[in-house]
PDB file of N, CA and C in Angstrom:
ATOM      1  N   MET A   1       0.825  -1.197   0.000  1.00  0.00           N
ATOM      2  CA  MET A   1       0.000   0.000   0.000  1.00  0.00           C
ATOM      3  C   MET A   1       0.875   1.268   0.000  1.00  0.00           C
ATOM      4  N   LYS A   2       1.978   1.239   0.741  1.00  0.00           N
ATOM      5  CA  LYS A   2       2.806   2.449   0.815  1.00  0.00           C
ATOM      6  C   LYS A   2       3.407   2.802  -0.537  1.00  0.00           C
ATOM      7  N   TYR A   3       3.679   1.802  -1.374  1.00  0.00           N
ATOM      8  CA  TYR A   3       4.222   2.082  -2.700  1.00  0.00           C
ATOM      9  C   TYR A   3       3.180   2.765  -3.581  1.00  0.00           C
ATOM     10  N   VAL A   4       1.944   2.347  -3.444  1.00  0.00           N
ATOM     11  CA  VAL A   4       0.849   2.971  -4.206  1.00  0.00           C
ATOM     12  C   VAL A   4       0.643   4.404  -3.738  1.00  0.00           C
ATOM     13  N   GLU A   5       0.664   4.617  -2.432  1.00  0.00           N
ATOM     14  CA  GLU A   5       0.489   5.968  -1.889  1.00  0.00           C
ATOM     15  C   GLU A   5       1.633   6.878  -2.319  1.00  0.00           C
ATOM     16  N   CYS A   6       2.840   6.349  -2.361  1.00  0.00           N
ATOM     17  CA  CYS A   6       4.005   7.115  -2.823  1.00  0.00           C
ATOM     18  C   CYS A   6       3.796   7.553  -4.266  1.00  0.00           C
ATOM     19  N   ALA A   7       3.331   6.632  -5.104  1.00  0.00           N
ATOM     20  CA  ALA A   7       3.097   6.953  -6.514  1.00  0.00           C
ATOM     21  C   ALA A   7       1.999   7.994  -6.664  1.00  0.00           C
ATOM     22  N   TYR A   8       0.904   7.832  -5.944  1.00  0.00           N
ATOM     23  CA  TYR A   8      -0.196   8.801  -6.028  1.00  0.00           C
ATOM     24  C   TYR A   8       0.237  10.195  -5.580  1.00  0.00           C
ATOM     25  N   ALA A   9       1.155  10.241  -4.617  1.00  0.00           N
ATOM     26  CA  ALA A   9       1.628  11.528  -4.096  1.00  0.00           C
ATOM     27  C   ALA A   9       2.623  12.207  -5.029  1.00  0.00           C
ATOM     28  N   GLY A  10       3.085  11.473  -6.049  1.00  0.00           N
ATOM     29  CA  GLY A  10       4.042  12.058  -6.991  1.00  0.00           C
ATOM     30  C   GLY A  10       5.467  12.044  -6.485  1.00  0.00           C
ATOM     31  N   CYS A  11       5.778  11.099  -5.613  1.00  0.00           N
ATOM     32  CA  CYS A  11       7.124  10.998  -5.053  1.00  0.00           C
ATOM     33  C   CYS A  11       8.088  10.314  -6.022  1.00  0.00           C
ATOM     34  N   VAL A  12       9.354  10.620  -5.867  1.00  0.00           N
ATOM     35  CA  VAL A  12      10.410   9.954  -6.629  1.00  0.00           C
ATOM     36  C   VAL A  12      10.820   8.733  -5.815  1.00  0.00           C
ATOM     37  N   PRO A  13      10.679   7.526  -6.373  1.00  0.00           N
ATOM     38  CA  PRO A  13      11.019   6.336  -5.605  1.00  0.00           C
ATOM     39  C   PRO A  13      12.530   6.128  -5.496  1.00  0.00           C
ATOM     40  N   VAL A  14      12.986   5.812  -4.290  1.00  0.00           N
ATOM     41  CA  VAL A  14      14.397   5.570  -4.013  1.00  0.00           C
ATOM     42  C   VAL A  14      14.487   4.301  -3.184  1.00  0.00           C
ATOM     43  N   GLY A  15      15.449   3.474  -3.473  1.00  0.00           N
ATOM     44  CA  GLY A  15      15.645   2.260  -2.698  1.00  0.00           C
ATOM     45  C   GLY A  15      15.397   1.023  -3.530  1.00  0.00           C
ATOM     46  N   VAL A  16      15.124  -0.074  -2.850  1.00  0.00           N
ATOM     47  CA  VAL A  16      14.868  -1.348  -3.512  1.00  0.00           C
ATOM     48  C   VAL A  16      13.356  -1.531  -3.625  1.00  0.00           C
ATOM     49  N   PRO A  17      12.853  -1.729  -4.835  1.00  0.00           N
ATOM     50  CA  PRO A  17      11.405  -1.907  -4.986  1.00  0.00           C
ATOM     51  C   PRO A  17      10.944  -3.234  -4.385  1.00  0.00           C
ATOM     52  N   ALA A  18       9.743  -3.263  -3.917  1.00  0.00           N
ATOM     53  CA  ALA A  18       9.166  -4.489  -3.368  1.00  0.00           C
ATOM     54  C   ALA A  18       9.025  -5.529  -4.469  1.00  0.00           C
ATOM     55  N   GLY A  19       9.164  -6.764  -4.110  1.00  0.00           N
ATOM     56  CA  GLY A  19       9.013  -7.846  -5.067  1.00  0.00           C
ATOM     57  C   GLY A  19       7.616  -7.920  -5.654  1.00  0.00           C
ATOM     58  N   SER A  20       6.645  -7.340  -4.953  1.00  0.00           N
ATOM     59  CA  SER A  20       5.263  -7.364  -5.435  1.00  0.00           C
ATOM     60  C   SER A  20       5.011  -6.348  -6.549  1.00  0.00           C
ATOM     61  N   LEU A  21       5.941  -5.412  -6.755  1.00  0.00           N
ATOM     62  CA  LEU A  21       5.789  -4.447  -7.840  1.00  0.00           C
ATOM     63  C   LEU A  21       6.236  -5.080  -9.146  1.00  0.00           C
ATOM     64  N   ASP A  22       5.569  -4.716 -10.224  1.00  0.00           N
ATOM     65  CA  ASP A  22       6.015  -5.266 -11.503  1.00  0.00           C
ATOM     66  C   ASP A  22       7.287  -4.560 -11.969  1.00  0.00           C
ATOM     67  N   ALA A  23       7.907  -5.121 -12.971  1.00  0.00           N
ATOM     68  CA  ALA A  23       9.196  -4.613 -13.452  1.00  0.00           C
ATOM     69  C   ALA A  23       9.097  -3.200 -13.996  1.00  0.00           C
ATOM     70  N   VAL A  24       7.963  -2.837 -14.566  1.00  0.00           N
ATOM     71  CA  VAL A  24       7.796  -1.491 -15.124  1.00  0.00           C
ATOM     72  C   VAL A  24       7.909  -0.448 -14.013  1.00  0.00           C
ATOM     73  N   ALA A  25       7.232  -0.670 -12.901  1.00  0.00           N
ATOM     74  CA  ALA A  25       7.303   0.275 -11.778  1.00  0.00           C
ATOM     75  C   ALA A  25       8.696   0.256 -11.152  1.00  0.00           C
ATOM     76  N   GLY A  26       9.315  -0.908 -11.085  1.00  0.00           N
ATOM     77  CA  GLY A  26      10.622  -1.041 -10.451  1.00  0.00           C
ATOM     78  C   GLY A  26      11.735  -0.307 -11.168  1.00  0.00           C
ATOM     79  N   ARG A  27      11.571  -0.050 -12.446  1.00  0.00           N
ATOM     80  CA  ARG A  27      12.658   0.598 -13.187  1.00  0.00           C
ATOM     81  C   ARG A  27      12.833   2.073 -12.808  1.00  0.00           C
ATOM     82  N   TYR A  28      11.886   2.653 -12.103  1.00  0.00           N
ATOM     83  CA  TYR A  28      11.986   4.061 -11.693  1.00  0.00           C
ATOM     84  C   TYR A  28      12.721   4.224 -10.367  1.00  0.00           C
ATOM     85  N   PHE A  29      13.016   3.139  -9.700  1.00  0.00           N
ATOM     86  CA  PHE A  29      13.755   3.172  -8.440  1.00  0.00           C
ATOM     87  C   PHE A  29      15.245   3.309  -8.715  1.00  0.00           C
ATOM     88  N   ARG A  30      15.950   3.954  -7.802  1.00  0.00           N
ATOM     89  CA  ARG A  30      17.401   4.017  -7.839  1.00  0.00           C
ATOM     90  C   ARG A  30      17.896   3.406  -6.536  1.00  0.00           C
ATOM     91  N   PRO A  31      18.956   2.612  -6.595  1.00  0.00           N
ATOM     92  CA  PRO A  31      19.456   1.971  -5.372  1.00  0.00           C
ATOM     93  C   PRO A  31      19.837   2.992  -4.303  1.00  0.00           C
ATOM     94  N   TYR A  32      19.616   2.627  -3.070  1.00  0.00           N
ATOM     95  CA  TYR A  32      19.997   3.458  -1.937  1.00  0.00           C
ATOM     96  C   TYR A  32      20.560   2.530  -0.873  1.00  0.00           C
ATOM     97  N   GLY A  33      21.833   2.625  -0.642  1.00  0.00           N
ATOM     98  CA  GLY A  33      22.502   1.733   0.295  1.00  0.00           C
ATOM     99  C   GLY A  33      22.544   2.226   1.726  1.00  0.00           C
ATOM    100  N   GLY A  34      21.796   3.241   2.064  1.00  0.00           N
ATOM    101  CA  GLY A  34      21.793   3.753   3.427  1.00  0.00           C
ATOM    102  C   GLY A  34      22.841   4.822   3.681  1.00  0.00           C
ATOM    103  N   HIS A  35      23.574   5.206   2.665  1.00  0.00           N
ATOM    104  CA  HIS A  35      24.584   6.253   2.802  1.00  0.00           C
ATOM    105  C   HIS A  35      24.011   7.573   2.282  1.00  0.00           C
ATOM    106  N   GLY A  36      24.240   8.617   3.012  1.00  0.00           N
ATOM    107  CA  GLY A  36      23.738   9.934   2.612  1.00  0.00           C
ATOM    108  C   GLY A  36      24.200  10.354   1.230  1.00  0.00           C
ATOM    109  N   LEU A  37      25.402   9.922   0.852  1.00  0.00           N
ATOM    110  CA  LEU A  37      25.946  10.285  -0.446  1.00  0.00           C
ATOM    111  C   LEU A  37      25.112   9.678  -1.581  1.00  0.00           C
ATOM    112  N   ASP A  38      24.630   8.433  -1.390  1.00  0.00           N
ATOM    113  CA  ASP A  38      23.777   7.795  -2.394  1.00  0.00           C
ATOM    114  C   ASP A  38      22.520   8.619  -2.633  1.00  0.00           C
ATOM    115  N   LEU A  39      21.887   9.013  -1.555  1.00  0.00           N
ATOM    116  CA  LEU A  39      20.648   9.785  -1.658  1.00  0.00           C
ATOM    117  C   LEU A  39      20.915  11.165  -2.242  1.00  0.00           C
ATOM    118  N   LEU A  40      21.974  11.809  -1.807  1.00  0.00           N
ATOM    119  CA  LEU A  40      22.324  13.127  -2.322  1.00  0.00           C
ATOM    120  C   LEU A  40      22.593  13.077  -3.821  1.00  0.00           C
ATOM    121  N   LYS A  41      23.327  12.057  -4.259  1.00  0.00           N
ATOM    122  CA  LYS A  41      23.620  11.887  -5.681  1.00  0.00           C
ATOM    123  C   LYS A  41      22.336  11.713  -6.485  1.00  0.00           C
ATOM    124  N   ASP A  42      21.399  10.949  -5.939  1.00  0.00           N
ATOM    125  CA  ASP A  42      20.130  10.712  -6.622  1.00  0.00           C
ATOM    126  C   ASP A  42      19.306  11.995  -6.710  1.00  0.00           C
ATOM    127  N   LEU A  43      19.246  12.737  -5.637  1.00  0.00           N
ATOM    128  CA  LEU A  43      18.397  13.930  -5.602  1.00  0.00           C
ATOM    129  C   LEU A  43      19.038  15.154  -6.243  1.00  0.00           C
ATOM    130  N   CYS A  44      20.307  15.078  -6.603  1.00  0.00           N
ATOM    131  CA  CYS A  44      20.973  16.190  -7.280  1.00  0.00           C
ATOM    132  C   CYS A  44      20.830  16.114  -8.797  1.00  0.00           C
ATOM    133  N   GLN A  45      19.973  15.232  -9.273  1.00  0.00           N
ATOM    134  CA  GLN A  45      19.691  15.155 -10.700  1.00  0.00           C
ATOM    135  C   GLN A  45      18.900  16.398 -11.095  1.00  0.00           C
ATOM    136  N   PRO A  46      18.910  16.731 -12.366  1.00  0.00           N
ATOM    137  CA  PRO A  46      18.077  17.854 -12.808  1.00  0.00           C
ATOM    138  C   PRO A  46      16.610  17.612 -12.451  1.00  0.00           C
ATOM    139  N   LEU A  47      15.935  18.669 -12.073  1.00  0.00           N
ATOM    140  CA  LEU A  47      14.545  18.572 -11.640  1.00  0.00           C
ATOM    141  C   LEU A  47      13.672  17.887 -12.682  1.00  0.00           C
ATOM    142  N   ARG A  48      13.932  18.153 -13.931  1.00  0.00           N
ATOM    143  CA  ARG A  48      13.142  17.544 -15.009  1.00  0.00           C
ATOM    144  C   ARG A  48      13.224  16.018 -14.980  1.00  0.00           C
ATOM    145  N   GLU A  49      14.424  15.489 -14.719  1.00  0.00           N
ATOM    146  CA  GLU A  49      14.597  14.034 -14.640  1.00  0.00           C
ATOM    147  C   GLU A  49      13.849  13.452 -13.440  1.00  0.00           C
ATOM    148  N   LEU A  50      13.897  14.151 -12.314  1.00  0.00           N
ATOM    149  CA  LEU A  50      13.172  13.688 -11.133  1.00  0.00           C
ATOM    150  C   LEU A  50      11.664  13.712 -11.375  1.00  0.00           C
ATOM    151  N   GLU A  51      11.188  14.756 -12.031  1.00  0.00           N
ATOM    152  CA  GLU A  51       9.761  14.841 -12.351  1.00  0.00           C
ATOM    153  C   GLU A  51       9.340  13.707 -13.281  1.00  0.00           C
ATOM    154  N   GLU A  52      10.187  13.386 -14.259  1.00  0.00           N
ATOM    155  CA  GLU A  52       9.883  12.308 -15.188  1.00  0.00           C
ATOM    156  C   GLU A  52       9.848  10.960 -14.476  1.00  0.00           C
ATOM    157  N   ARG A  53      10.775  10.751 -13.551  1.00  0.00           N
ATOM    158  CA  ARG A  53      10.762   9.495 -12.780  1.00  0.00           C
ATOM    159  C   ARG A  53       9.504   9.383 -11.936  1.00  0.00           C
ATOM    160  N   ALA A  54       9.135  10.470 -11.273  1.00  0.00           N
ATOM    161  CA  ALA A  54       7.927  10.447 -10.444  1.00  0.00           C
ATOM    162  C   ALA A  54       6.686  10.211 -11.303  1.00  0.00           C
ATOM    163  N   ALA A  55       6.600  10.874 -12.436  1.00  0.00           N
ATOM    164  CA  ALA A  55       5.437  10.700 -13.324  1.00  0.00           C
ATOM    165  C   ALA A  55       5.401   9.288 -13.909  1.00  0.00           C
ATOM    166  N   GLY A  56       6.557   8.756 -14.284  1.00  0.00           N
ATOM    167  CA  GLY A  56       6.605   7.403 -14.820  1.00  0.00           C
ATOM    168  C   GLY A  56       6.209   6.366 -13.787  1.00  0.00           C
ATOM    169  N   TYR A  57       6.671   6.563 -12.564  1.00  0.00           N
ATOM    170  CA  TYR A  57       6.317   5.657 -11.469  1.00  0.00           C
ATOM    171  C   TYR A  57       4.810   5.697 -11.213  1.00  0.00           C
ATOM    172  N   ARG A  58       4.266   6.880 -11.198  1.00  0.00           N
ATOM    173  CA  ARG A  58       2.819   7.007 -10.982  1.00  0.00           C
ATOM    174  C   ARG A  58       2.030   6.358 -12.114  1.00  0.00           C
ATOM    175  N   ALA A  59       2.483   6.534 -13.339  1.00  0.00           N
ATOM    176  CA  ALA A  59       1.777   5.942 -14.484  1.00  0.00           C
ATOM    177  C   ALA A  59       1.860   4.415 -14.474  1.00  0.00           C
ATOM    178  N   ALA A  60       2.997   3.886 -13.988  1.00  0.00           N
ATOM    179  CA  ALA A  60       3.160   2.429 -13.935  1.00  0.00           C
ATOM    180  C   ALA A  60       2.244   1.839 -12.890  1.00  0.00           C
TER     181      ALA A  60
END
């Protein structure tokens, strides 16, 4: 349920996708190993790319 709520909210997915998600939704996730640098690197992408990932995740 939390993955669906994340998508509806327009969030950018980060981390390991749940096994219950199909491959289309999973491709919008970026790995996050628990290090701040991983998250910072992911969120420092151009805003347009982040918006596209969030929209693609929601559409999936």
